Amino acid sequence: MTGWLRAFLLTVAVECPLVMVLTAQSRLPLARRVCLVVAAQLMTHPLVWYAFPAIPSLPRFTTLVLSELWAFLAEGAFYALVEVAPSRLAAFGISALANGASLGLGFLIL
């Protein structure tokens, strides 16, 4: 299994259940919310893993900060747009919690 795939599966395994719990009151069915969360991960994770680290002349820490900021903002905007969360503010809060959890656990495991 490639490094990216392992990291992606870990991200989905951490973020998806967390987002499901935090959006339990959503009017969207569970299966639809799961699909939307996985879509958000597919939208952001390849850029986090491949594009940001490839930016020339940036220190590794800077690319990490930029990539995590991208994931948080893009997923928060996506959650707000598709109404996974009850409000725009909640969408960004949920994105922040989910991304923080997967980043922290990723550092511990990977």
PDB file of N, CA and C in Angstrom:
ATOM      1  N   MET A   1       0.858  -1.186   0.000  1.00  0.00           N
ATOM      2  CA  MET A   1       0.000   0.000   0.000  1.00  0.00           C
ATOM      3  C   MET A   1       0.893   1.234   0.000  1.00  0.00           C
ATOM      4  N   THR A   2       0.581   2.166  -0.875  1.00  0.00           N
ATOM      5  CA  THR A   2       1.385   3.384  -0.974  1.00  0.00           C
ATOM      6  C   THR A   2       1.201   4.261   0.260  1.00  0.00           C
ATOM      7  N   GLY A   3       2.163   5.150   0.464  1.00  0.00           N
ATOM      8  CA  GLY A   3       2.070   6.091   1.581  1.00  0.00           C
ATOM      9  C   GLY A   3       0.838   6.971   1.487  1.00  0.00           C
ATOM     10  N   TRP A   4       0.538   7.444   0.262  1.00  0.00           N
ATOM     11  CA  TRP A   4      -0.635   8.300   0.105  1.00  0.00           C
ATOM     12  C   TRP A   4      -1.916   7.548   0.446  1.00  0.00           C
ATOM     13  N   LEU A   5      -2.059   6.342  -0.066  1.00  0.00           N
ATOM     14  CA  LEU A   5      -3.285   5.580   0.179  1.00  0.00           C
ATOM     15  C   LEU A   5      -3.469   5.304   1.671  1.00  0.00           C
ATOM     16  N   ARG A   6      -2.386   4.939   2.343  1.00  0.00           N
ATOM     17  CA  ARG A   6      -2.463   4.694   3.783  1.00  0.00           C
ATOM     18  C   ARG A   6      -2.890   5.965   4.519  1.00  0.00           C
ATOM     19  N   ALA A   7      -2.296   7.096   4.157  1.00  0.00           N
ATOM     20  CA  ALA A   7      -2.651   8.373   4.787  1.00  0.00           C
ATOM     21  C   ALA A   7      -4.085   8.769   4.454  1.00  0.00           C
ATOM     22  N   PHE A   8      -4.502   8.530   3.225  1.00  0.00           N
ATOM     23  CA  PHE A   8      -5.871   8.858   2.826  1.00  0.00           C
ATOM     24  C   PHE A   8      -6.886   8.028   3.607  1.00  0.00           C
ATOM     25  N   LEU A   9      -6.646   6.734   3.698  1.00  0.00           N
ATOM     26  CA  LEU A   9      -7.561   5.855   4.435  1.00  0.00           C
ATOM     27  C   LEU A   9      -7.620   6.235   5.913  1.00  0.00           C
ATOM     28  N   LEU A  10      -6.486   6.616   6.479  1.00  0.00           N
ATOM     29  CA  LEU A  10      -6.473   7.071   7.871  1.00  0.00           C
ATOM     30  C   LEU A  10      -7.289   8.353   8.008  1.00  0.00           C
ATOM     31  N   THR A  11      -7.117   9.267   7.066  1.00  0.00           N
ATOM     32  CA  THR A  11      -7.870  10.525   7.094  1.00  0.00           C
ATOM     33  C   THR A  11      -9.367  10.255   7.048  1.00  0.00           C
ATOM     34  N   VAL A  12      -9.792   9.419   6.135  1.00  0.00           N
ATOM     35  CA  VAL A  12     -11.219   9.092   6.020  1.00  0.00           C
ATOM     36  C   VAL A  12     -11.701   8.386   7.285  1.00  0.00           C
ATOM     37  N   ALA A  13     -10.902   7.457   7.799  1.00  0.00           N
ATOM     38  CA  ALA A  13     -11.298   6.703   8.993  1.00  0.00           C
ATOM     39  C   ALA A  13     -11.446   7.601  10.218  1.00  0.00           C
ATOM     40  N   VAL A  14     -10.677   8.660  10.290  1.00  0.00           N
ATOM     41  CA  VAL A  14     -10.763   9.573  11.431  1.00  0.00           C
ATOM     42  C   VAL A  14     -11.838  10.630  11.198  1.00  0.00           C
ATOM     43  N   GLU A  15     -11.796  11.269  10.033  1.00  0.00           N
ATOM     44  CA  GLU A  15     -12.667  12.415   9.803  1.00  0.00           C
ATOM     45  C   GLU A  15     -14.122  12.027   9.554  1.00  0.00           C
ATOM     46  N   CYS A  16     -14.367  10.965   8.838  1.00  0.00           N
ATOM     47  CA  CYS A  16     -15.748  10.619   8.482  1.00  0.00           C
ATOM     48  C   CYS A  16     -16.618  10.340   9.712  1.00  0.00           C
ATOM     49  N   PRO A  17     -16.191   9.472  10.625  1.00  0.00           N
ATOM     50  CA  PRO A  17     -17.042   9.252  11.806  1.00  0.00           C
ATOM     51  C   PRO A  17     -17.218  10.511  12.653  1.00  0.00           C
ATOM     52  N   LEU A  18     -16.168  11.306  12.755  1.00  0.00           N
ATOM     53  CA  LEU A  18     -16.253  12.541  13.529  1.00  0.00           C
ATOM     54  C   LEU A  18     -17.265  13.506  12.915  1.00  0.00           C
ATOM     55  N   VAL A  19     -17.196  13.671  11.599  1.00  0.00           N
ATOM     56  CA  VAL A  19     -18.154  14.555  10.920  1.00  0.00           C
ATOM     57  C   VAL A  19     -19.570  13.993  11.045  1.00  0.00           C
ATOM     58  N   MET A  20     -19.725  12.670  10.983  1.00  0.00           N
ATOM     59  CA  MET A  20     -21.063  12.082  11.124  1.00  0.00           C
ATOM     60  C   MET A  20     -21.653  12.401  12.497  1.00  0.00           C
ATOM     61  N   VAL A  21     -20.851  12.281  13.532  1.00  0.00           N
ATOM     62  CA  VAL A  21     -21.331  12.587  14.888  1.00  0.00           C
ATOM     63  C   VAL A  21     -21.676  14.072  15.001  1.00  0.00           C
ATOM     64  N   LEU A  22     -20.813  14.920  14.470  1.00  0.00           N
ATOM     65  CA  LEU A  22     -21.014  16.362  14.598  1.00  0.00           C
ATOM     66  C   LEU A  22     -22.143  16.895  13.715  1.00  0.00           C
ATOM     67  N   THR A  23     -22.578  16.091  12.754  1.00  0.00           N
ATOM     68  CA  THR A  23     -23.678  16.509  11.875  1.00  0.00           C
ATOM     69  C   THR A  23     -24.896  15.603  12.041  1.00  0.00           C
ATOM     70  N   ALA A  24     -24.999  14.970  13.183  1.00  0.00           N
ATOM     71  CA  ALA A  24     -26.093  14.018  13.420  1.00  0.00           C
ATOM     72  C   ALA A  24     -27.474  14.654  13.246  1.00  0.00           C
ATOM     73  N   GLN A  25     -27.581  15.947  13.469  1.00  0.00           N
ATOM     74  CA  GLN A  25     -28.872  16.632  13.340  1.00  0.00           C
ATOM     75  C   GLN A  25     -29.148  17.119  11.914  1.00  0.00           C
ATOM     76  N   SER A  26     -28.257  16.813  10.989  1.00  0.00           N
ATOM     77  CA  SER A  26     -28.424  17.245   9.604  1.00  0.00           C
ATOM     78  C   SER A  26     -29.689  16.646   8.993  1.00  0.00           C
ATOM     79  N   ARG A  27     -30.275  17.383   8.053  1.00  0.00           N
ATOM     80  CA  ARG A  27     -31.446  16.863   7.352  1.00  0.00           C
ATOM     81  C   ARG A  27     -31.043  15.858   6.275  1.00  0.00           C
ATOM     82  N   LEU A  28     -29.743  15.789   5.962  1.00  0.00           N
ATOM     83  CA  LEU A  28     -29.260  14.849   4.949  1.00  0.00           C
ATOM     84  C   LEU A  28     -29.126  13.452   5.536  1.00  0.00           C
ATOM     85  N   PRO A  29     -29.486  12.440   4.774  1.00  0.00           N
ATOM     86  CA  PRO A  29     -29.324  11.064   5.261  1.00  0.00           C
ATOM     87  C   PRO A  29     -27.846  10.728   5.505  1.00  0.00           C
ATOM     88  N   LEU A  30     -27.625   9.796   6.388  1.00  0.00           N
ATOM     89  CA  LEU A  30     -26.274   9.389   6.760  1.00  0.00           C
ATOM     90  C   LEU A  30     -25.439   8.990   5.544  1.00  0.00           C
ATOM     91  N   ALA A  31     -25.979   8.167   4.672  1.00  0.00           N
ATOM     92  CA  ALA A  31     -25.218   7.696   3.504  1.00  0.00           C
ATOM     93  C   ALA A  31     -24.780   8.861   2.620  1.00  0.00           C
ATOM     94  N   ARG A  32     -25.645   9.839   2.457  1.00  0.00           N
ATOM     95  CA  ARG A  32     -25.288  11.009   1.636  1.00  0.00           C
ATOM     96  C   ARG A  32     -24.180  11.811   2.305  1.00  0.00           C
ATOM     97  N   ARG A  33     -24.276  11.981   3.625  1.00  0.00           N
ATOM     98  CA  ARG A  33     -23.226  12.720   4.340  1.00  0.00           C
ATOM     99  C   ARG A  33     -21.888  11.994   4.249  1.00  0.00           C
ATOM    100  N   VAL A  34     -21.904  10.679   4.362  1.00  0.00           N
ATOM    101  CA  VAL A  34     -20.666   9.911   4.230  1.00  0.00           C
ATOM    102  C   VAL A  34     -20.057  10.139   2.848  1.00  0.00           C
ATOM    103  N   CYS A  35     -20.865  10.037   1.808  1.00  0.00           N
ATOM    104  CA  CYS A  35     -20.374  10.253   0.437  1.00  0.00           C
ATOM    105  C   CYS A  35     -19.805  11.657   0.263  1.00  0.00           C
ATOM    106  N   LEU A  36     -20.461  12.649   0.838  1.00  0.00           N
ATOM    107  CA  LEU A  36     -19.986  14.031   0.717  1.00  0.00           C
ATOM    108  C   LEU A  36     -18.673  14.242   1.461  1.00  0.00           C
ATOM    109  N   VAL A  37     -18.533  13.622   2.610  1.00  0.00           N
ATOM    110  CA  VAL A  37     -17.276  13.751   3.362  1.00  0.00           C
ATOM    111  C   VAL A  37     -16.132  13.079   2.601  1.00  0.00           C
ATOM    112  N   VAL A  38     -16.376  11.903   2.054  1.00  0.00           N
ATOM    113  CA  VAL A  38     -15.337  11.232   1.259  1.00  0.00           C
ATOM    114  C   VAL A  38     -15.012  12.064   0.019  1.00  0.00           C
ATOM    115  N   ALA A  39     -16.007  12.682  -0.595  1.00  0.00           N
ATOM    116  CA  ALA A  39     -15.758  13.564  -1.745  1.00  0.00           C
ATOM    117  C   ALA A  39     -14.873  14.739  -1.338  1.00  0.00           C
ATOM    118  N   ALA A  40     -15.135  15.305  -0.173  1.00  0.00           N
ATOM    119  CA  ALA A  40     -14.302  16.412   0.304  1.00  0.00           C
ATOM    120  C   ALA A  40     -12.859  15.949   0.495  1.00  0.00           C
ATOM    121  N   GLN A  41     -12.682  14.749   1.024  1.00  0.00           N
ATOM    122  CA  GLN A  41     -11.329  14.215   1.218  1.00  0.00           C
ATOM    123  C   GLN A  41     -10.631  14.005  -0.129  1.00  0.00           C
ATOM    124  N   LEU A  42     -11.382  13.482  -1.095  1.00  0.00           N
ATOM    125  CA  LEU A  42     -10.797  13.272  -2.432  1.00  0.00           C
ATOM    126  C   LEU A  42     -10.444  14.592  -3.106  1.00  0.00           C
ATOM    127  N   MET A  43     -11.156  15.643  -2.757  1.00  0.00           N
ATOM    128  CA  MET A  43     -10.897  16.968  -3.328  1.00  0.00           C
ATOM    129  C   MET A  43      -9.621  17.584  -2.748  1.00  0.00           C
ATOM    130  N   THR A  44      -9.365  17.351  -1.473  1.00  0.00           N
ATOM    131  CA  THR A  44      -8.255  18.052  -0.821  1.00  0.00           C
ATOM    132  C   THR A  44      -7.008  17.204  -0.613  1.00  0.00           C
ATOM    133  N   HIS A  45      -7.172  15.948  -0.304  1.00  0.00           N
ATOM    134  CA  HIS A  45      -6.033  15.131   0.128  1.00  0.00           C
ATOM    135  C   HIS A  45      -4.917  15.000  -0.906  1.00  0.00           C
ATOM    136  N   PRO A  46      -5.212  14.776  -2.181  1.00  0.00           N
ATOM    137  CA  PRO A  46      -4.103  14.685  -3.144  1.00  0.00           C
ATOM    138  C   PRO A  46      -3.260  15.969  -3.211  1.00  0.00           C
ATOM    139  N   LEU A  47      -3.904  17.114  -3.089  1.00  0.00           N
ATOM    140  CA  LEU A  47      -3.133  18.362  -3.094  1.00  0.00           C
ATOM    141  C   LEU A  47      -2.286  18.491  -1.837  1.00  0.00           C
ATOM    142  N   VAL A  48      -2.852  18.105  -0.699  1.00  0.00           N
ATOM    143  CA  VAL A  48      -2.110  18.145   0.561  1.00  0.00           C
ATOM    144  C   VAL A  48      -0.890  17.228   0.477  1.00  0.00           C
ATOM    145  N   TRP A  49      -1.076  16.075  -0.105  1.00  0.00           N
ATOM    146  CA  TRP A  49      -0.022  15.069  -0.126  1.00  0.00           C
ATOM    147  C   TRP A  49       1.026  15.309  -1.217  1.00  0.00           C
ATOM    148  N   TYR A  50       0.570  15.776  -2.395  1.00  0.00           N
ATOM    149  CA  TYR A  50       1.491  15.894  -3.530  1.00  0.00           C
ATOM    150  C   TYR A  50       1.811  17.328  -3.956  1.00  0.00           C
ATOM    151  N   ALA A  51       0.827  18.192  -4.063  1.00  0.00           N
ATOM    152  CA  ALA A  51       1.059  19.528  -4.630  1.00  0.00           C
ATOM    153  C   ALA A  51       1.788  20.458  -3.670  1.00  0.00           C
ATOM    154  N   PHE A  52       1.301  20.577  -2.462  1.00  0.00           N
ATOM    155  CA  PHE A  52       1.928  21.523  -1.536  1.00  0.00           C
ATOM    156  C   PHE A  52       3.377  21.172  -1.215  1.00  0.00           C
ATOM    157  N   PRO A  53       3.695  19.912  -0.953  1.00  0.00           N
ATOM    158  CA  PRO A  53       5.103  19.590  -0.692  1.00  0.00           C
ATOM    159  C   PRO A  53       6.019  19.832  -1.901  1.00  0.00           C
ATOM    160  N   ALA A  54       5.462  19.914  -3.090  1.00  0.00           N
ATOM    161  CA  ALA A  54       6.261  20.118  -4.301  1.00  0.00           C
ATOM    162  C   ALA A  54       6.520  21.594  -4.608  1.00  0.00           C
ATOM    163  N   ILE A  55       5.960  22.504  -3.805  1.00  0.00           N
ATOM    164  CA  ILE A  55       6.211  23.934  -4.035  1.00  0.00           C
ATOM    165  C   ILE A  55       7.684  24.201  -3.748  1.00  0.00           C
ATOM    166  N   PRO A  56       8.406  24.704  -4.746  1.00  0.00           N
ATOM    167  CA  PRO A  56       9.846  24.893  -4.553  1.00  0.00           C
ATOM    168  C   PRO A  56      10.153  26.027  -3.569  1.00  0.00           C
ATOM    169  N   SER A  57      11.249  25.884  -2.897  1.00  0.00           N
ATOM    170  CA  SER A  57      11.828  26.911  -2.018  1.00  0.00           C
ATOM    171  C   SER A  57      11.025  27.205  -0.760  1.00  0.00           C
ATOM    172  N   LEU A  58      10.066  26.370  -0.423  1.00  0.00           N
ATOM    173  CA  LEU A  58       9.340  26.574   0.828  1.00  0.00           C
ATOM    174  C   LEU A  58       9.787  25.531   1.842  1.00  0.00           C
ATOM    175  N   PRO A  59      10.011  25.962   3.063  1.00  0.00           N
ATOM    176  CA  PRO A  59      10.362  24.983   4.101  1.00  0.00           C
ATOM    177  C   PRO A  59       9.216  23.993   4.323  1.00  0.00           C
ATOM    178  N   ARG A  60       9.566  22.826   4.792  1.00  0.00           N
ATOM    179  CA  ARG A  60       8.580  21.770   5.000  1.00  0.00           C
ATOM    180  C   ARG A  60       7.457  22.218   5.939  1.00  0.00           C
ATOM    181  N   PHE A  61       7.796  22.918   7.002  1.00  0.00           N
ATOM    182  CA  PHE A  61       6.780  23.385   7.940  1.00  0.00           C
ATOM    183  C   PHE A  61       5.794  24.329   7.257  1.00  0.00           C
ATOM    184  N   THR A  62       6.298  25.202   6.396  1.00  0.00           N
ATOM    185  CA  THR A  62       5.431  26.147   5.681  1.00  0.00           C
ATOM    186  C   THR A  62       4.471  25.410   4.760  1.00  0.00           C
ATOM    187  N   THR A  63       4.958  24.405   4.051  1.00  0.00           N
ATOM    188  CA  THR A  63       4.061  23.657   3.170  1.00  0.00           C
ATOM    189  C   THR A  63       3.027  22.882   3.981  1.00  0.00           C
ATOM    190  N   LEU A  64       3.418  22.401   5.154  1.00  0.00           N
ATOM    191  CA  LEU A  64       2.467  21.712   6.022  1.00  0.00           C
ATOM    192  C   LEU A  64       1.359  22.672   6.457  1.00  0.00           C
ATOM    193  N   VAL A  65       1.739  23.860   6.902  1.00  0.00           N
ATOM    194  CA  VAL A  65       0.753  24.847   7.340  1.00  0.00           C
ATOM    195  C   VAL A  65      -0.164  25.235   6.183  1.00  0.00           C
ATOM    196  N   LEU A  66       0.398  25.505   5.020  1.00  0.00           N
ATOM    197  CA  LEU A  66      -0.412  25.888   3.862  1.00  0.00           C
ATOM    198  C   LEU A  66      -1.354  24.761   3.435  1.00  0.00           C
ATOM    199  N   SER A  67      -0.855  23.541   3.433  1.00  0.00           N
ATOM    200  CA  SER A  67      -1.706  22.427   2.996  1.00  0.00           C
ATOM    201  C   SER A  67      -2.836  22.168   3.988  1.00  0.00           C
ATOM    202  N   GLU A  68      -2.567  22.257   5.263  1.00  0.00           N
ATOM    203  CA  GLU A  68      -3.618  22.053   6.257  1.00  0.00           C
ATOM    204  C   GLU A  68      -4.628  23.202   6.241  1.00  0.00           C
ATOM    205  N   LEU A  69      -4.148  24.410   6.004  1.00  0.00           N
ATOM    206  CA  LEU A  69      -5.057  25.552   5.866  1.00  0.00           C
ATOM    207  C   LEU A  69      -5.963  25.352   4.651  1.00  0.00           C
ATOM    208  N   TRP A  70      -5.395  24.891   3.550  1.00  0.00           N
ATOM    209  CA  TRP A  70      -6.171  24.593   2.346  1.00  0.00           C
ATOM    210  C   TRP A  70      -7.249  23.549   2.651  1.00  0.00           C
ATOM    211  N   ALA A  71      -6.861  22.458   3.312  1.00  0.00           N
ATOM    212  CA  ALA A  71      -7.818  21.387   3.601  1.00  0.00           C
ATOM    213  C   ALA A  71      -8.946  21.908   4.482  1.00  0.00           C
ATOM    214  N   PHE A  72      -8.609  22.640   5.524  1.00  0.00           N
ATOM    215  CA  PHE A  72      -9.619  23.193   6.432  1.00  0.00           C
ATOM    216  C   PHE A  72     -10.582  24.117   5.699  1.00  0.00           C
ATOM    217  N   LEU A  73     -10.055  25.057   4.921  1.00  0.00           N
ATOM    218  CA  LEU A  73     -10.907  26.027   4.225  1.00  0.00           C
ATOM    219  C   LEU A  73     -11.728  25.379   3.111  1.00  0.00           C
ATOM    220  N   ALA A  74     -11.101  24.533   2.309  1.00  0.00           N
ATOM    221  CA  ALA A  74     -11.811  23.906   1.192  1.00  0.00           C
ATOM    222  C   ALA A  74     -12.908  22.963   1.693  1.00  0.00           C
ATOM    223  N   GLU A  75     -12.595  22.157   2.694  1.00  0.00           N
ATOM    224  CA  GLU A  75     -13.601  21.233   3.209  1.00  0.00           C
ATOM    225  C   GLU A  75     -14.705  21.985   3.947  1.00  0.00           C
ATOM    226  N   GLY A  76     -14.340  23.026   4.691  1.00  0.00           N
ATOM    227  CA  GLY A  76     -15.361  23.829   5.365  1.00  0.00           C
ATOM    228  C   GLY A  76     -16.301  24.480   4.369  1.00  0.00           C
ATOM    229  N   ALA A  77     -15.730  25.040   3.302  1.00  0.00           N
ATOM    230  CA  ALA A  77     -16.565  25.656   2.266  1.00  0.00           C
ATOM    231  C   ALA A  77     -17.450  24.615   1.584  1.00  0.00           C
ATOM    232  N   PHE A  78     -16.889  23.449   1.326  1.00  0.00           N
ATOM    233  CA  PHE A  78     -17.663  22.369   0.704  1.00  0.00           C
ATOM    234  C   PHE A  78     -18.801  21.925   1.612  1.00  0.00           C
ATOM    235  N   TYR A  79     -18.519  21.720   2.907  1.00  0.00           N
ATOM    236  CA  TYR A  79     -19.560  21.312   3.847  1.00  0.00           C
ATOM    237  C   TYR A  79     -20.661  22.360   3.930  1.00  0.00           C
ATOM    238  N   ALA A  80     -20.285  23.630   3.868  1.00  0.00           N
ATOM    239  CA  ALA A  80     -21.293  24.699   3.892  1.00  0.00           C
ATOM    240  C   ALA A  80     -22.108  24.693   2.601  1.00  0.00           C
ATOM    241  N   LEU A  81     -21.440  24.541   1.470  1.00  0.00           N
ATOM    242  CA  LEU A  81     -22.102  24.575   0.168  1.00  0.00           C
ATOM    243  C   LEU A  81     -23.119  23.444  -0.002  1.00  0.00           C
ATOM    244  N   VAL A  82     -22.749  22.250   0.427  1.00  0.00           N
ATOM    245  CA  VAL A  82     -23.641  21.102   0.243  1.00  0.00           C
ATOM    246  C   VAL A  82     -24.539  20.873   1.459  1.00  0.00           C
ATOM    247  N   GLU A  83     -24.446  21.763   2.406  1.00  0.00           N
ATOM    248  CA  GLU A  83     -25.297  21.772   3.606  1.00  0.00           C
ATOM    249  C   GLU A  83     -25.194  20.501   4.444  1.00  0.00           C
ATOM    250  N   VAL A  84     -23.967  20.012   4.580  1.00  0.00           N
ATOM    251  CA  VAL A  84     -23.729  18.890   5.484  1.00  0.00           C
ATOM    252  C   VAL A  84     -23.923  19.367   6.923  1.00  0.00           C
ATOM    253  N   ALA A  85     -23.443  20.571   7.196  1.00  0.00           N
ATOM    254  CA  ALA A  85     -23.538  21.148   8.541  1.00  0.00           C
ATOM    255  C   ALA A  85     -24.758  22.066   8.627  1.00  0.00           C
ATOM    256  N   PRO A  86     -25.228  22.343   9.834  1.00  0.00           N
ATOM    257  CA  PRO A  86     -26.425  23.173   9.993  1.00  0.00           C
ATOM    258  C   PRO A  86     -26.219  24.652   9.657  1.00  0.00           C
ATOM    259  N   SER A  87     -24.974  25.112   9.634  1.00  0.00           N
ATOM    260  CA  SER A  87     -24.698  26.515   9.299  1.00  0.00           C
ATOM    261  C   SER A  87     -23.307  26.616   8.700  1.00  0.00           C
ATOM    262  N   ARG A  88     -23.011  27.771   8.119  1.00  0.00           N
ATOM    263  CA  ARG A  88     -21.671  27.979   7.560  1.00  0.00           C
ATOM    264  C   ARG A  88     -20.615  27.945   8.659  1.00  0.00           C
ATOM    265  N   LEU A  89     -20.918  28.605   9.762  1.00  0.00           N
ATOM    266  CA  LEU A  89     -19.969  28.614  10.872  1.00  0.00           C
ATOM    267  C   LEU A  89     -19.716  27.197  11.377  1.00  0.00           C
ATOM    268  N   ALA A  90     -20.767  26.431  11.519  1.00  0.00           N
ATOM    269  CA  ALA A  90     -20.617  25.039  11.961  1.00  0.00           C
ATOM    270  C   ALA A  90     -19.797  24.233  10.954  1.00  0.00           C
ATOM    271  N   ALA A  91     -19.991  24.488   9.672  1.00  0.00           N
ATOM    272  CA  ALA A  91     -19.243  23.761   8.638  1.00  0.00           C
ATOM    273  C   ALA A  91     -17.742  23.964   8.811  1.00  0.00           C
ATOM    274  N   PHE A  92     -17.336  25.196   9.076  1.00  0.00           N
ATOM    275  CA  PHE A  92     -15.908  25.471   9.250  1.00  0.00           C
ATOM    276  C   PHE A  92     -15.401  24.939  10.590  1.00  0.00           C
ATOM    277  N   GLY A  93     -16.227  24.982  11.619  1.00  0.00           N
ATOM    278  CA  GLY A  93     -15.836  24.409  12.901  1.00  0.00           C
ATOM    279  C   GLY A  93     -15.654  22.907  12.816  1.00  0.00           C
ATOM    280  N   ILE A  94     -16.577  22.252  12.133  1.00  0.00           N
ATOM    281  CA  ILE A  94     -16.489  20.800  11.944  1.00  0.00           C
ATOM    282  C   ILE A  94     -15.254  20.450  11.124  1.00  0.00           C
ATOM    283  N   SER A  95     -14.994  21.224  10.090  1.00  0.00           N
ATOM    284  CA  SER A  95     -13.810  20.997   9.270  1.00  0.00           C
ATOM    285  C   SER A  95     -12.536  21.155  10.098  1.00  0.00           C
ATOM    286  N   ALA A  96     -12.497  22.179  10.933  1.00  0.00           N
ATOM    287  CA  ALA A  96     -11.313  22.411  11.774  1.00  0.00           C
ATOM    288  C   ALA A  96     -11.091  21.243  12.732  1.00  0.00           C
ATOM    289  N   LEU A  97     -12.154  20.797  13.386  1.00  0.00           N
ATOM    290  CA  LEU A  97     -12.020  19.675  14.326  1.00  0.00           C
ATOM    291  C   LEU A  97     -11.598  18.396  13.617  1.00  0.00           C
ATOM    292  N   ALA A  98     -12.230  18.106  12.497  1.00  0.00           N
ATOM    293  CA  ALA A  98     -11.925  16.872  11.773  1.00  0.00           C
ATOM    294  C   ALA A  98     -10.490  16.879  11.241  1.00  0.00           C
ATOM    295  N   ASN A  99     -10.090  17.999  10.642  1.00  0.00           N
ATOM    296  CA  ASN A  99      -8.733  18.072  10.105  1.00  0.00           C
ATOM    297  C   ASN A  99      -7.686  18.054  11.213  1.00  0.00           C
ATOM    298  N   GLY A 100      -7.974  18.713  12.318  1.00  0.00           N
ATOM    299  CA  GLY A 100      -7.042  18.676  13.447  1.00  0.00           C
ATOM    300  C   GLY A 100      -6.882  17.271  14.009  1.00  0.00           C
ATOM    301  N   ALA A 101      -7.999  16.549  14.096  1.00  0.00           N
ATOM    302  CA  ALA A 101      -7.951  15.176  14.611  1.00  0.00           C
ATOM    303  C   ALA A 101      -7.146  14.260  13.692  1.00  0.00           C
ATOM    304  N   SER A 102      -7.386  14.361  12.386  1.00  0.00           N
ATOM    305  CA  SER A 102      -6.662  13.469  11.472  1.00  0.00           C
ATOM    306  C   SER A 102      -5.188  13.848  11.383  1.00  0.00           C
ATOM    307  N   LEU A 103      -4.880  15.130  11.444  1.00  0.00           N
ATOM    308  CA  LEU A 103      -3.473  15.547  11.421  1.00  0.00           C
ATOM    309  C   LEU A 103      -2.756  15.048  12.669  1.00  0.00           C
ATOM    310  N   GLY A 104      -3.366  15.250  13.825  1.00  0.00           N
ATOM    311  CA  GLY A 104      -2.745  14.811  15.069  1.00  0.00           C
ATOM    312  C   GLY A 104      -2.540  13.310  15.125  1.00  0.00           C
ATOM    313  N   LEU A 105      -3.564  12.564  14.753  1.00  0.00           N
ATOM    314  CA  LEU A 105      -3.441  11.116  14.765  1.00  0.00           C
ATOM    315  C   LEU A 105      -2.447  10.648  13.704  1.00  0.00           C
ATOM    316  N   GLY A 106      -2.444  11.329  12.571  1.00  0.00           N
ATOM    317  CA  GLY A 106      -1.473  10.991  11.523  1.00  0.00           C
ATOM    318  C   GLY A 106      -0.034  11.139  12.000  1.00  0.00           C
ATOM    319  N   PHE A 107       0.241  12.193  12.758  1.00  0.00           N
ATOM    320  CA  PHE A 107       1.578  12.387  13.316  1.00  0.00           C
ATOM    321  C   PHE A 107       1.940  11.251  14.286  1.00  0.00           C
ATOM    322  N   LEU A 108       0.966  10.784  15.042  1.00  0.00           N
ATOM    323  CA  LEU A 108       1.235   9.719  15.999  1.00  0.00           C
ATOM    324  C   LEU A 108       1.437   8.370  15.329  1.00  0.00           C
ATOM    325  N   ILE A 109       0.664   8.097  14.282  1.00  0.00           N
ATOM    326  CA  ILE A 109       0.678   6.769  13.659  1.00  0.00           C
ATOM    327  C   ILE A 109       1.666   6.663  12.501  1.00  0.00           C
ATOM    328  N   LEU A 110       1.663   7.675  11.627  1.00  0.00           N
ATOM    329  CA  LEU A 110       2.484   7.575  10.416  1.00  0.00           C
ATOM    330  C   LEU A 110       3.814   8.132  10.695  1.00  0.00           C
TER     331      LEU A 110
END
